[in-house]
PDB file of N, CA and C in Angstrom:
ATOM      1  N   MET A   1      93.720  67.931  99.885  1.00  0.00           N
ATOM      2  CA  MET A   1      93.068  67.575  98.602  1.00  0.00           C
ATOM      3  C   MET A   1      94.238  67.104  97.434  1.00  0.00           C
ATOM      4  N   ASN A   2      94.106  66.257  97.193  1.00  0.00           N
ATOM      5  CA  ASN A   2      95.147  65.564  96.528  1.00  0.00           C
ATOM      6  C   ASN A   2      94.830  65.169  95.198  1.00  0.00           C
ATOM      7  N   MET A   3      95.531  65.367  93.863  1.00  0.00           N
ATOM      8  CA  MET A   3      95.214  65.821  92.223  1.00  0.00           C
ATOM      9  C   MET A   3      95.388  64.113  91.566  1.00  0.00           C
ATOM     10  N   ASP A   4      94.753  64.126  90.591  1.00  0.00           N
ATOM     11  CA  ASP A   4      95.392  62.730  90.141  1.00  0.00           C
ATOM     12  C   ASP A   4      96.109  63.311  88.717  1.00  0.00           C
ATOM     13  N   THR A   5      96.115  62.640  87.739  1.00  0.00           N
ATOM     14  CA  THR A   5      97.082  62.532  87.408  1.00  0.00           C
ATOM     15  C   THR A   5      96.331  63.584  85.807  1.00  0.00           C
ATOM     16  N   SER A   6      95.644  62.970  85.719  1.00  0.00           N
ATOM     17  CA  SER A   6      94.697  63.562  84.944  1.00  0.00           C
ATOM     18  C   SER A   6      94.017  65.322  85.335  1.00  0.00           C
ATOM     19  N   GLU A   7      93.954  65.772  85.630  1.00  0.00           N
ATOM     20  CA  GLU A   7      94.439  66.842  87.035  1.00  0.00           C
ATOM     21  C   GLU A   7      94.640  68.000  86.716  1.00  0.00           C
ATOM     22  N   TYR A   8      96.590  66.956  86.514  1.00  0.00           N
ATOM     23  CA  TYR A   8      97.330  67.257  86.644  1.00  0.00           C
ATOM     24  C   TYR A   8      98.028  68.040  84.728  1.00  0.00           C
ATOM     25  N   LEU A   9      97.288  67.496  84.602  1.00  0.00           N
ATOM     26  CA  LEU A   9      97.574  67.366  82.646  1.00  0.00           C
ATOM     27  C   LEU A   9      96.954  68.287  82.655  1.00  0.00           C
ATOM     28  N   LEU A  10      95.485  68.555  82.402  1.00  0.00           N
ATOM     29  CA  LEU A  10      94.524  69.769  82.598  1.00  0.00           C
ATOM     30  C   LEU A  10      95.060  71.066  83.081  1.00  0.00           C
ATOM     31  N   LEU A  11      95.710  70.840  83.794  1.00  0.00           N
ATOM     32  CA  LEU A  11      95.951  71.961  85.001  1.00  0.00           C
ATOM     33  C   LEU A  11      97.063  72.566  83.814  1.00  0.00           C
ATOM     34  N   ILE A  12      97.732  71.902  83.600  1.00  0.00           N
ATOM     35  CA  ILE A  12      98.719  71.628  82.858  1.00  0.00           C
ATOM     36  C   ILE A  12      98.785  72.648  80.892  1.00  0.00           C
ATOM     37  N   VAL A  13      97.038  72.000  80.763  1.00  0.00           N
ATOM     38  CA  VAL A  13      97.060  72.508  79.185  1.00  0.00           C
ATOM     39  C   VAL A  13      96.635  73.961  80.021  1.00  0.00           C
ATOM     40  N   LEU A  14      95.954  73.655  80.973  1.00  0.00           N
ATOM     41  CA  LEU A  14      95.029  75.648  80.700  1.00  0.00           C
ATOM     42  C   LEU A  14      95.949  76.289  81.071  1.00  0.00           C
ATOM     43  N   MET A  15      97.386  76.485  81.617  1.00  0.00           N
ATOM     44  CA  MET A  15      98.221  77.325  81.716  1.00  0.00           C
ATOM     45  C   MET A  15      99.179  77.500  80.595  1.00  0.00           C
ATOM     46  N   ALA A  16      99.376  76.434  79.345  1.00  0.00           N
ATOM     47  CA  ALA A  16      99.698  76.240  77.994  1.00  0.00           C
ATOM     48  C   ALA A  16      99.023  77.352  77.280  1.00  0.00           C
ATOM     49  N   ALA A  17      98.241  77.118  77.710  1.00  0.00           N
ATOM     50  CA  ALA A  17      97.231  77.810  76.659  1.00  0.00           C
ATOM     51  C   ALA A  17      96.981  79.572  77.140  1.00  0.00           C
ATOM     52  N   THR A  18      96.556  79.171  78.691  1.00  0.00           N
ATOM     53  CA  THR A  18      96.450  80.499  79.066  1.00  0.00           C
ATOM     54  C   THR A  18      98.011  81.782  78.500  1.00  0.00           C
ATOM     55  N   THR A  19      99.107  80.861  78.526  1.00  0.00           N
ATOM     56  CA  THR A  19     100.232  82.031  78.748  1.00  0.00           C
ATOM     57  C   THR A  19     101.019  82.043  76.854  1.00  0.00           C
ATOM     58  N   VAL A  20      99.942  81.148  76.152  1.00  0.00           N
ATOM     59  CA  VAL A  20      99.551  81.530  75.118  1.00  0.00           C
ATOM     60  C   VAL A  20      98.706  82.835  74.154  1.00  0.00           C
ATOM     61  N   VAL A  21      97.742  82.968  75.665  1.00  0.00           N
ATOM     62  CA  VAL A  21      96.899  83.726  74.316  1.00  0.00           C
ATOM     63  C   VAL A  21      97.304  85.107  75.084  1.00  0.00           C
ATOM     64  N   THR A  22      97.617  85.208  76.113  1.00  0.00           N
ATOM     65  CA  THR A  22      98.206  86.111  76.579  1.00  0.00           C
ATOM     66  C   THR A  22      99.019  86.540  76.322  1.00  0.00           C
ATOM     67  N   ARG A  23     100.373  85.961  75.377  1.00  0.00           N
ATOM     68  CA  ARG A  23     100.859  86.124  74.775  1.00  0.00           C
ATOM     69  C   ARG A  23     100.971  87.178  73.679  1.00  0.00           C
ATOM     70  N   SER A  24     100.630  85.840  73.097  1.00  0.00           N
ATOM     71  CA  SER A  24     100.524  86.058  71.342  1.00  0.00           C
ATOM     72  C   SER A  24      98.826  87.347  70.827  1.00  0.00           C
ATOM     73  N   PHE A  25      98.177  88.718  71.884  1.00  0.00           N
ATOM     74  CA  PHE A  25      97.080  88.867  72.388  1.00  0.00           C
ATOM     75  C   PHE A  25      96.888  89.367  71.427  1.00  0.00           C
ATOM     76  N   PHE A  26      98.223  90.748  71.213  1.00  0.00           N
ATOM     77  CA  PHE A  26      98.286  91.750  69.589  1.00  0.00           C
ATOM     78  C   PHE A  26      98.729  91.377  68.464  1.00  0.00           C
ATOM     79  N   PHE A  27      99.001  89.968  68.809  1.00  0.00           N
ATOM     80  CA  PHE A  27      99.040  89.390  67.511  1.00  0.00           C
ATOM     81  C   PHE A  27      97.371  89.763  66.415  1.00  0.00           C
ATOM     82  N   MET A  28      97.141  88.576  68.448  1.00  0.00           N
ATOM     83  CA  MET A  28      95.118  87.588  66.956  1.00  0.00           C
ATOM     84  C   MET A  28      94.746  88.846  66.490  1.00  0.00           C
ATOM     85  N   VAL A  29      94.474  90.163  66.903  1.00  0.00           N
ATOM     86  CA  VAL A  29      93.754  91.643  67.426  1.00  0.00           C
ATOM     87  C   VAL A  29      94.229  91.737  65.882  1.00  0.00           C
ATOM     88  N   GLY A  30      95.005  91.873  65.577  1.00  0.00           N
ATOM     89  CA  GLY A  30      95.136  92.100  63.959  1.00  0.00           C
ATOM     90  C   GLY A  30      96.834  93.135  63.670  1.00  0.00           C
ATOM     91  N   GLY A  31      97.125  92.789  63.127  1.00  0.00           N
ATOM     92  CA  GLY A  31      98.427  93.247  62.430  1.00  0.00           C
ATOM     93  C   GLY A  31      98.264  94.887  61.892  1.00  0.00           C
ATOM     94  N   SER A  32      97.352  95.406  61.199  1.00  0.00           N
ATOM     95  CA  SER A  32      98.113  96.866  61.307  1.00  0.00           C
ATOM     96  C   SER A  32      98.084  97.697  61.970  1.00  0.00           C
ATOM     97  N   ARG A  33      97.122  97.543  63.224  1.00  0.00           N
ATOM     98  CA  ARG A  33      97.496  98.452  63.911  1.00  0.00           C
ATOM     99  C   ARG A  33      98.630  98.440  65.218  1.00  0.00           C
ATOM    100  N   ARG A  34      98.554  99.631  66.012  1.00  0.00           N
ATOM    101  CA  ARG A  34     100.749  99.586  66.626  1.00  0.00           C
ATOM    102  C   ARG A  34      98.786 100.207  67.970  1.00  0.00           C
ATOM    103  N   MET A  35     100.558  99.467  68.608  1.00  0.00           N
ATOM    104  CA  MET A  35      99.624  99.538  70.034  1.00  0.00           C
ATOM    105  C   MET A  35     100.434 100.984  69.876  1.00  0.00           C
ATOM    106  N   PRO A  36      99.121 101.940  71.430  1.00  0.00           N
ATOM    107  CA  PRO A  36      99.298 103.394  71.511  1.00  0.00           C
ATOM    108  C   PRO A  36     101.094 104.136  72.204  1.00  0.00           C
ATOM    109  N   GLY A  37     101.684 104.745  72.230  1.00  0.00           N
ATOM    110  CA  GLY A  37     103.118 105.252  73.031  1.00  0.00           C
ATOM    111  C   GLY A  37     102.916 105.184  74.235  1.00  0.00           C
ATOM    112  N   TRP A  38     101.822 104.866  75.186  1.00  0.00           N
ATOM    113  CA  TRP A  38     101.366 105.027  76.686  1.00  0.00           C
ATOM    114  C   TRP A  38     101.683 103.944  76.944  1.00  0.00           C
ATOM    115  N   LEU A  39     100.897 103.252  76.250  1.00  0.00           N
ATOM    116  CA  LEU A  39     101.032 101.323  76.879  1.00  0.00           C
ATOM    117  C   LEU A  39     102.104 100.364  75.668  1.00  0.00           C
ATOM    118  N   GLN A  40     103.003 101.092  74.667  1.00  0.00           N
ATOM    119  CA  GLN A  40     104.843 101.236  74.897  1.00  0.00           C
ATOM    120  C   GLN A  40     105.279 100.637  75.887  1.00  0.00           C
ATOM    121  N   LYS A  41     105.396 102.596  76.515  1.00  0.00           N
ATOM    122  CA  LYS A  41     106.058 102.647  77.660  1.00  0.00           C
ATOM    123  C   LYS A  41     105.619 101.965  78.302  1.00  0.00           C
ATOM    124  N   SER A  42     104.081 102.025  78.846  1.00  0.00           N
ATOM    125  CA  SER A  42     103.771 100.691  80.271  1.00  0.00           C
ATOM    126  C   SER A  42     104.149  99.456  80.080  1.00  0.00           C
ATOM    127  N   LEU A  43     104.541  98.937  79.143  1.00  0.00           N
ATOM    128  CA  LEU A  43     104.918  97.366  79.016  1.00  0.00           C
ATOM    129  C   LEU A  43     106.662  97.638  79.121  1.00  0.00           C
ATOM    130  N   GLY A  44     107.300  98.356  79.285  1.00  0.00           N
ATOM    131  CA  GLY A  44     108.446  98.025  79.668  1.00  0.00           C
ATOM    132  C   GLY A  44     108.359  98.234  81.450  1.00  0.00           C
ATOM    133  N   TYR A  45     107.671  98.698  82.308  1.00  0.00           N
ATOM    134  CA  TYR A  45     107.430  98.879  83.292  1.00  0.00           C
ATOM    135  C   TYR A  45     106.586  97.170  83.726  1.00  0.00           C
ATOM    136  N   VAL A  46     106.757  96.319  83.178  1.00  0.00           N
ATOM    137  CA  VAL A  46     106.420  94.681  84.092  1.00  0.00           C
ATOM    138  C   VAL A  46     106.798  93.613  84.625  1.00  0.00           C
ATOM    139  N   PRO A  47     108.337  94.031  83.792  1.00  0.00           N
ATOM    140  CA  PRO A  47     109.442  92.639  84.578  1.00  0.00           C
ATOM    141  C   PRO A  47     109.523  93.356  85.767  1.00  0.00           C
ATOM    142  N   ALA A  48     110.004  94.720  86.023  1.00  0.00           N
ATOM    143  CA  ALA A  48     110.326  95.311  86.867  1.00  0.00           C
ATOM    144  C   ALA A  48     109.497  95.078  88.697  1.00  0.00           C
ATOM    145  N   VAL A  49     108.123  94.930  87.680  1.00  0.00           N
ATOM    146  CA  VAL A  49     106.764  95.061  88.808  1.00  0.00           C
ATOM    147  C   VAL A  49     106.215  93.276  88.974  1.00  0.00           C
ATOM    148  N   ALA A  50     107.362  92.709  87.879  1.00  0.00           N
ATOM    149  CA  ALA A  50     105.801  91.136  88.386  1.00  0.00           C
ATOM    150  C   ALA A  50     107.487  90.406  89.284  1.00  0.00           C
ATOM    151  N   LEU A  51     108.972  90.890  89.506  1.00  0.00           N
ATOM    152  CA  LEU A  51     109.845  90.655  90.259  1.00  0.00           C
ATOM    153  C   LEU A  51     109.811  91.202  91.312  1.00  0.00           C
ATOM    154  N   SER A  52     109.152  92.686  91.785  1.00  0.00           N
ATOM    155  CA  SER A  52     108.551  93.214  92.649  1.00  0.00           C
ATOM    156  C   SER A  52     107.592  92.303  94.306  1.00  0.00           C
ATOM    157  N   ALA A  53     106.608  91.852  92.804  1.00  0.00           N
ATOM    158  CA  ALA A  53     105.461  91.496  93.187  1.00  0.00           C
ATOM    159  C   ALA A  53     105.778  89.454  93.907  1.00  0.00           C
ATOM    160  N   ILE A  54     107.043  89.502  92.952  1.00  0.00           N
ATOM    161  CA  ILE A  54     107.706  87.689  93.625  1.00  0.00           C
ATOM    162  C   ILE A  54     108.412  88.315  94.859  1.00  0.00           C
ATOM    163  N   LEU A  55     109.264  89.359  94.412  1.00  0.00           N
ATOM    164  CA  LEU A  55     110.071  89.159  95.676  1.00  0.00           C
ATOM    165  C   LEU A  55     109.285  89.792  97.180  1.00  0.00           C
ATOM    166  N   ALA A  56     108.634  90.619  97.075  1.00  0.00           N
ATOM    167  CA  ALA A  56     107.792  91.463  98.123  1.00  0.00           C
ATOM    168  C   ALA A  56     107.447  89.834  99.036  1.00  0.00           C
ATOM    169  N   PRO A  57     106.736  89.022  99.348  1.00  0.00           N
ATOM    170  CA  PRO A  57     107.127  88.416  99.844  1.00  0.00           C
ATOM    171  C   PRO A  57     107.120  87.557 100.337  1.00  0.00           C
ATOM    172  N   ASP A  58     107.961  87.324  99.764  1.00  0.00           N
ATOM    173  CA  ASP A  58     109.420  86.240 100.520  1.00  0.00           C
ATOM    174  C   ASP A  58     110.685  87.329 101.778  1.00  0.00           C
ATOM    175  N   LEU A  59     110.678  88.855 101.313  1.00  0.00           N
ATOM    176  CA  LEU A  59     111.501  89.943 101.873  1.00  0.00           C
ATOM    177  C   LEU A  59     111.053  90.528 102.702  1.00  0.00           C
ATOM    178  N   LEU A  60     109.264  89.869 103.145  1.00  0.00           N
ATOM    179  CA  LEU A  60     108.334  91.176 103.924  1.00  0.00           C
ATOM    180  C   LEU A  60     107.857  89.866 105.056  1.00  0.00           C
ATOM    181  N   MET A  61     107.343  89.098 104.764  1.00  0.00           N
ATOM    182  CA  MET A  61     106.626  88.052 105.160  1.00  0.00           C
ATOM    183  C   MET A  61     107.628  86.587 105.654  1.00  0.00           C
ATOM    184  N   THR A  62     107.215  86.436 107.012  1.00  0.00           N
ATOM    185  CA  THR A  62     107.758  85.033 107.733  1.00  0.00           C
ATOM    186  C   THR A  62     106.422  84.242 108.018  1.00  0.00           C
ATOM    187  N   HIS A  63     105.770  83.163 107.195  1.00  0.00           N
ATOM    188  CA  HIS A  63     105.003  82.301 107.908  1.00  0.00           C
ATOM    189  C   HIS A  63     103.242  82.485 107.508  1.00  0.00           C
ATOM    190  N   GLY A  64     103.591  83.590 106.868  1.00  0.00           N
ATOM    191  CA  GLY A  64     102.403  84.566 106.177  1.00  0.00           C
ATOM    192  C   GLY A  64     101.979  85.863 107.213  1.00  0.00           C
ATOM    193  N   ALA A  65     102.961  86.023 108.155  1.00  0.00           N
ATOM    194  CA  ALA A  65     102.879  87.343 109.130  1.00  0.00           C
ATOM    195  C   ALA A  65     104.063  87.701 108.690  1.00  0.00           C
ATOM    196  N   LEU A  66     103.181  89.660 109.096  1.00  0.00           N
ATOM    197  CA  LEU A  66     104.891  90.529 108.073  1.00  0.00           C
ATOM    198  C   LEU A  66     105.710  89.980 109.056  1.00  0.00           C
ATOM    199  N   VAL A  67     106.841  90.257 109.093  1.00  0.00           N
ATOM    200  CA  VAL A  67     108.468  90.189 110.433  1.00  0.00           C
ATOM    201  C   VAL A  67     108.987  92.293 110.307  1.00  0.00           C
ATOM    202  N   GLU A  68     109.147  92.697 111.836  1.00  0.00           N
ATOM    203  CA  GLU A  68     109.849  93.450 111.202  1.00  0.00           C
ATOM    204  C   GLU A  68     110.950  94.003 110.865  1.00  0.00           C
ATOM    205  N   PRO A  69     111.243  94.877 110.225  1.00  0.00           N
ATOM    206  CA  PRO A  69     112.432  95.243 109.412  1.00  0.00           C
ATOM    207  C   PRO A  69     113.353  95.184 110.672  1.00  0.00           C
ATOM    208  N   TRP A  70     113.590  95.104 111.393  1.00  0.00           N
ATOM    209  CA  TRP A  70     114.872  94.909 112.453  1.00  0.00           C
ATOM    210  C   TRP A  70     115.235  93.889 112.394  1.00  0.00           C
ATOM    211  N   GLN A  71     114.213  92.896 111.912  1.00  0.00           N
ATOM    212  CA  GLN A  71     114.800  91.762 112.528  1.00  0.00           C
ATOM    213  C   GLN A  71     114.226  90.271 110.831  1.00  0.00           C
ATOM    214  N   ASN A  72     114.139  91.248 110.814  1.00  0.00           N
ATOM    215  CA  ASN A  72     113.852  90.401 109.019  1.00  0.00           C
ATOM    216  C   ASN A  72     115.126  90.322 108.099  1.00  0.00           C
ATOM    217  N   ILE A  73     116.050  89.223 108.381  1.00  0.00           N
ATOM    218  CA  ILE A  73     117.515  89.839 107.694  1.00  0.00           C
ATOM    219  C   ILE A  73     118.087  88.960 105.596  1.00  0.00           C
ATOM    220  N   LYS A  74     116.244  88.379 105.573  1.00  0.00           N
ATOM    221  CA  LYS A  74     116.096  88.579 104.336  1.00  0.00           C
ATOM    222  C   LYS A  74     116.584  89.626 103.196  1.00  0.00           C
ATOM    223  N   LEU A  75     115.621  90.694 104.626  1.00  0.00           N
ATOM    224  CA  LEU A  75     115.250  91.855 103.510  1.00  0.00           C
ATOM    225  C   LEU A  75     117.056  92.702 104.501  1.00  0.00           C
ATOM    226  N   LEU A  76     117.457  92.751 105.756  1.00  0.00           N
ATOM    227  CA  LEU A  76     118.399  92.708 105.397  1.00  0.00           C
ATOM    228  C   LEU A  76     119.467  92.416 104.436  1.00  0.00           C
ATOM    229  N   ALA A  77     119.369  91.638 103.793  1.00  0.00           N
ATOM    230  CA  ALA A  77     120.049  91.419 102.969  1.00  0.00           C
ATOM    231  C   ALA A  77     120.455  91.484 101.865  1.00  0.00           C
ATOM    232  N   ALA A  78     119.065  92.315 101.467  1.00  0.00           N
ATOM    233  CA  ALA A  78     118.239  92.415 100.474  1.00  0.00           C
ATOM    234  C   ALA A  78     118.913  93.999 100.083  1.00  0.00           C
ATOM    235  N   ILE A  79     118.568  94.452 101.052  1.00  0.00           N
ATOM    236  CA  ILE A  79     119.198  95.977 101.082  1.00  0.00           C
ATOM    237  C   ILE A  79     120.696  95.816 101.099  1.00  0.00           C
ATOM    238  N   ALA A  80     121.317  95.499 101.677  1.00  0.00           N
ATOM    239  CA  ALA A  80     122.623  95.244 100.893  1.00  0.00           C
ATOM    240  C   ALA A  80     122.955  95.352 100.383  1.00  0.00           C
ATOM    241  N   ALA A  81     122.714  93.913  99.072  1.00  0.00           N
ATOM    242  CA  ALA A  81     122.577  93.567  97.780  1.00  0.00           C
ATOM    243  C   ALA A  81     122.257  94.928  96.648  1.00  0.00           C
ATOM    244  N   THR A  82     121.181  95.361  97.473  1.00  0.00           N
ATOM    245  CA  THR A  82     120.421  96.723  96.599  1.00  0.00           C
ATOM    246  C   THR A  82     121.641  98.060  96.416  1.00  0.00           C
ATOM    247  N   ILE A  83     122.601  98.242  97.373  1.00  0.00           N
ATOM    248  CA  ILE A  83     123.908  99.398  98.308  1.00  0.00           C
ATOM    249  C   ILE A  83     124.881  98.832  97.089  1.00  0.00           C
ATOM    250  N   PHE A  84     125.111  97.372  97.107  1.00  0.00           N
ATOM    251  CA  PHE A  84     126.193  97.892  96.831  1.00  0.00           C
ATOM    252  C   PHE A  84     126.277  96.921  95.253  1.00  0.00           C
ATOM    253  N   PHE A  85     124.878  96.627  94.625  1.00  0.00           N
ATOM    254  CA  PHE A  85     124.497  96.561  92.718  1.00  0.00           C
ATOM    255  C   PHE A  85     124.454  99.227  92.882  1.00  0.00           C
ATOM    256  N   LEU A  86     123.842  99.051  93.460  1.00  0.00           N
ATOM    257  CA  LEU A  86     123.910 100.518  93.005  1.00  0.00           C
ATOM    258  C   LEU A  86     125.221 101.563  93.429  1.00  0.00           C
ATOM    259  N   TYR A  87     126.449 100.730  93.751  1.00  0.00           N
ATOM    260  CA  TYR A  87     127.337 101.313  94.258  1.00  0.00           C
ATOM    261  C   TYR A  87     128.608 100.241  92.077  1.00  0.00           C
ATOM    262  N   THR A  88     128.422  99.138  92.720  1.00  0.00           N
ATOM    263  CA  THR A  88     129.211  98.611  91.362  1.00  0.00           C
ATOM    264  C   THR A  88     128.752  98.792  90.665  1.00  0.00           C
ATOM    265  N   ARG A  89     127.075  98.527  90.252  1.00  0.00           N
ATOM    266  CA  ARG A  89     126.908  97.675  88.873  1.00  0.00           C
ATOM    267  C   ARG A  89     126.961  96.913  88.504  1.00  0.00           C
ATOM    268  N   HIS A  90     127.138  95.681  89.382  1.00  0.00           N
ATOM    269  CA  HIS A  90     127.985  94.656  88.530  1.00  0.00           C
ATOM    270  C   HIS A  90     126.853  93.081  88.868  1.00  0.00           C
ATOM    271  N   LEU A  91     126.447  92.283  88.393  1.00  0.00           N
ATOM    272  CA  LEU A  91     125.090  91.619  88.936  1.00  0.00           C
ATOM    273  C   LEU A  91     125.729  90.251  89.412  1.00  0.00           C
ATOM    274  N   LEU A  92     126.940  89.667  88.977  1.00  0.00           N
ATOM    275  CA  LEU A  92     127.366  89.091  89.298  1.00  0.00           C
ATOM    276  C   LEU A  92     127.623  88.745  91.464  1.00  0.00           C
ATOM    277  N   GLY A  93     128.469  89.909  91.564  1.00  0.00           N
ATOM    278  CA  GLY A  93     128.553  90.093  92.407  1.00  0.00           C
ATOM    279  C   GLY A  93     127.631  90.434  93.540  1.00  0.00           C
ATOM    280  N   THR A  94     126.800  91.508  92.671  1.00  0.00           N
ATOM    281  CA  THR A  94     125.502  92.052  93.721  1.00  0.00           C
ATOM    282  C   THR A  94     125.076  90.414  94.051  1.00  0.00           C
ATOM    283  N   LEU A  95     124.794  89.331  93.055  1.00  0.00           N
ATOM    284  CA  LEU A  95     124.531  87.910  94.037  1.00  0.00           C
ATOM    285  C   LEU A  95     125.347  87.255  95.137  1.00  0.00           C
ATOM    286  N   VAL A  96     126.595  87.632  94.331  1.00  0.00           N
ATOM    287  CA  VAL A  96     127.446  87.096  95.300  1.00  0.00           C
ATOM    288  C   VAL A  96     127.049  87.373  97.341  1.00  0.00           C
ATOM    289  N   PHE A  97     127.048  89.100  96.561  1.00  0.00           N
ATOM    290  CA  PHE A  97     127.563  89.887  98.068  1.00  0.00           C
ATOM    291  C   PHE A  97     126.662  89.168  98.872  1.00  0.00           C
ATOM    292  N   GLY A  98     124.664  89.141  97.533  1.00  0.00           N
ATOM    293  CA  GLY A  98     123.437  89.411  99.629  1.00  0.00           C
ATOM    294  C   GLY A  98     123.729  88.105  99.092  1.00  0.00           C
ATOM    295  N   MET A  99     124.429  86.620  98.900  1.00  0.00           N
ATOM    296  CA  MET A  99     124.381  85.822  99.733  1.00  0.00           C
ATOM    297  C   MET A  99     124.557  86.039 100.992  1.00  0.00           C
ATOM    298  N   LEU A 100     125.565  85.796 100.472  1.00  0.00           N
ATOM    299  CA  LEU A 100     126.802  85.838 101.745  1.00  0.00           C
ATOM    300  C   LEU A 100     126.039  87.114 102.491  1.00  0.00           C
ATOM    301  N   CYS A 101     125.908  87.509 102.327  1.00  0.00           N
ATOM    302  CA  CYS A 101     125.126  88.662 103.792  1.00  0.00           C
ATOM    303  C   CYS A 101     124.091  87.801 104.132  1.00  0.00           C
ATOM    304  N   TYR A 102     123.329  87.174 104.038  1.00  0.00           N
ATOM    305  CA  TYR A 102     122.169  86.616 103.823  1.00  0.00           C
ATOM    306  C   TYR A 102     122.962  85.388 105.359  1.00  0.00           C
ATOM    307  N   THR A 103     123.953  84.925 104.718  1.00  0.00           N
ATOM    308  CA  THR A 103     124.319  83.571 105.151  1.00  0.00           C
ATOM    309  C   THR A 103     124.905  83.993 106.462  1.00  0.00           C
ATOM    310  N   ILE A 104     125.753  85.234 106.906  1.00  0.00           N
ATOM    311  CA  ILE A 104     126.142  85.757 107.444  1.00  0.00           C
ATOM    312  C   ILE A 104     125.102  86.015 108.874  1.00  0.00           C
ATOM    313  N   LEU A 105     124.958  86.290 108.325  1.00  0.00           N
ATOM    314  CA  LEU A 105     123.333  86.662 109.066  1.00  0.00           C
ATOM    315  C   LEU A 105     122.415  86.074 109.411  1.00  0.00           C
ATOM    316  N   ARG A 106     122.236  85.117 108.801  1.00  0.00           N
ATOM    317  CA  ARG A 106     121.248  83.565 109.182  1.00  0.00           C
ATOM    318  C   ARG A 106     122.429  82.802 109.532  1.00  0.00           C
ATOM    319  N   LEU A 107     124.075  83.131 110.200  1.00  0.00           N
ATOM    320  CA  LEU A 107     124.144  82.038 111.052  1.00  0.00           C
ATOM    321  C   LEU A 107     124.493  82.540 112.479  1.00  0.00           C
ATOM    322  N   TRP A 108     125.028  84.504 112.367  1.00  0.00           N
ATOM    323  CA  TRP A 108     125.041  85.162 113.701  1.00  0.00           C
ATOM    324  C   TRP A 108     123.573  85.198 113.799  1.00  0.00           C
ATOM    325  N   TRP A 109     122.593  86.083 112.959  1.00  0.00           N
ATOM    326  CA  TRP A 109     121.469  86.741 114.116  1.00  0.00           C
ATOM    327  C   TRP A 109     120.748  85.109 114.599  1.00  0.00           C
ATOM    328  N   VAL A 110     120.654  85.271 115.994  1.00  0.00           N
ATOM    329  CA  VAL A 110     119.299  84.981 116.455  1.00  0.00           C
ATOM    330  C   VAL A 110     118.203  85.224 116.185  1.00  0.00           C
ATOM    331  N   VAL A 111     117.017  84.318 115.640  1.00  0.00           N
ATOM    332  CA  VAL A 111     115.436  84.917 115.417  1.00  0.00           C
ATOM    333  C   VAL A 111     114.953  83.729 115.807  1.00  0.00           C
TER     334      VAL A 111
END
């Protein structure tokens, strides 16, 4: 199914409108109301959950099928990078170490 220019434009406008509405919802509802404490605390977990939702399918699946953990070089590199981060707490070093592990596993491991 091919989309023409007008459909792409409509899609972009709808995505922008959705983003504006969802990000400004609490401002539009009313300025005098405060969010409950439990909701404020819950919103602190949103970035971690969103990142997990983005990364999990890529780490656990290949071509739409689950991969055995011992055969999944992406998962092995992610585990190594996580251990590195927990030990050092250095974000840039973790990125470099994770990519180095992935590259070595990819070149060395025949899957």
